Amino acid sequence: MIYTLWERNIIKALSKSEEETIEGLNRQKTKRPTTYALQKVMSSILALSQITDGKVESIWLPKPLKPNQEHILQLTGFSKEIYTYTSNV
């Protein structure tokens, strides 16, 4: 159900005439990506974390997101900061 809602929200956001297409499977431009295509594009994101004394101290991205991945996050309603965290300790 969550994947279906994700797909629906992305397609709805892309239906706006001024919104750019995204790259789906095989780098094809599309305004109607499938959940499978979205998952494939986003699955290459790697987030690392540092844990000290059983507590997460920080989470970061070891390499920058691709523009297509950032665009999908933006269409979903998030920014790349969802993959980062630093404790205030």
Protein backbone atom coordinates (compact mmCIF):
# COMPACT_ATOMS: atom_id res chain seq x y z
CA MET A 1 0.00 0.00 0.00
CA ILE A 2 2.84 2.39 0.82
CA TYR A 3 4.51 1.75 -2.56
CA THR A 4 1.21 2.41 -4.32
CA LEU A 5 0.78 5.71 -2.49
CA TRP A 6 4.37 6.67 -3.29
CA GLU A 7 3.83 5.95 -6.99
CA ARG A 8 0.53 7.84 -6.99
CA ASN A 9 2.04 10.92 -5.31
CA ILE A 10 5.00 11.02 -7.72
CA ILE A 11 2.74 10.70 -10.78
CA LYS A 12 0.44 13.41 -9.40
CA ALA A 13 3.41 15.76 -8.81
CA LEU A 14 4.80 15.03 -12.29
CA SER A 15 1.42 15.71 -13.92
CA LYS A 16 1.96 19.45 -13.44
CA SER A 17 2.93 20.85 -16.81
CA GLU A 18 5.99 22.75 -15.53
CA GLU A 19 7.46 19.73 -13.72
CA GLU A 20 10.41 18.02 -15.40
CA THR A 21 10.36 14.30 -16.16
CA ILE A 22 12.44 11.85 -14.15
CA GLU A 23 14.67 9.05 -15.34
CA GLY A 24 13.07 5.66 -14.89
CA LEU A 25 14.41 2.28 -15.94
CA ASN A 26 17.14 2.31 -18.60
CA ARG A 27 17.37 6.08 -18.15
CA GLN A 28 14.13 6.63 -20.04
CA LYS A 29 12.43 9.94 -19.28
CA THR A 30 8.95 9.46 -17.85
CA LYS A 31 6.14 11.28 -16.09
CA ARG A 32 4.49 7.97 -15.09
CA PRO A 33 7.14 5.89 -13.29
CA THR A 34 6.23 2.58 -11.75
CA THR A 35 6.99 1.83 -8.13
CA TYR A 36 9.50 -0.77 -9.32
CA ALA A 37 11.36 1.89 -11.34
CA LEU A 38 11.33 4.34 -8.43
CA GLN A 39 12.65 1.69 -6.06
CA LYS A 40 15.45 0.75 -8.48
CA VAL A 41 16.56 4.39 -8.79
CA MET A 42 16.50 4.97 -5.03
CA SER A 43 18.00 1.62 -3.96
CA SER A 44 21.55 2.72 -4.75
CA ILE A 45 21.49 5.32 -1.94
CA LEU A 46 23.96 4.35 0.78
CA ALA A 47 23.70 5.95 4.23
CA LEU A 48 26.39 5.28 6.82
CA SER A 49 26.04 5.67 10.57
CA GLN A 50 28.38 5.94 13.53
CA ILE A 51 27.25 4.20 16.71
CA THR A 52 28.99 4.80 20.03
CA ASP A 53 27.92 3.14 23.28
CA GLY A 54 24.84 1.76 21.57
CA LYS A 55 23.63 5.21 20.44
CA VAL A 56 23.61 6.60 16.92
CA GLU A 57 25.87 9.66 16.86
CA SER A 58 25.61 10.53 13.19
CA ILE A 59 24.24 9.41 9.84
CA TRP A 60 25.63 10.69 6.55
CA LEU A 61 25.82 10.04 2.84
CA PRO A 62 29.33 8.99 1.75
CA LYS A 63 28.68 10.24 -1.79
CA PRO A 64 26.24 12.86 -3.07
CA LEU A 65 22.83 11.90 -4.39
CA LYS A 66 22.34 11.92 -8.15
CA PRO A 67 20.18 14.78 -9.47
CA ASN A 68 17.46 12.28 -10.41
CA GLN A 69 17.40 10.89 -6.85
CA GLU A 70 17.18 14.41 -5.38
CA HIS A 71 14.34 15.21 -7.79
CA ILE A 72 12.41 12.10 -6.72
CA LEU A 73 12.93 12.98 -3.04
CA GLN A 74 11.68 16.51 -3.71
CA LEU A 75 8.61 15.17 -5.54
CA THR A 76 7.97 12.87 -2.58
CA GLY A 77 8.10 15.86 -0.21
CA PHE A 78 11.52 15.27 1.36
CA SER A 79 15.03 16.64 1.01
CA LYS A 80 18.36 14.86 1.18
CA GLU A 81 18.60 15.87 4.85
CA ILE A 82 16.43 12.86 5.73
CA TYR A 83 19.61 10.83 5.24
CA THR A 84 21.68 12.89 7.68
CA TYR A 85 21.73 13.21 11.46
CA THR A 86 24.17 14.49 14.05
CA SER A 87 23.56 14.17 17.78
CA ASN A 88 23.89 17.21 19.99
CA VAL A 89 25.97 15.41 22.60
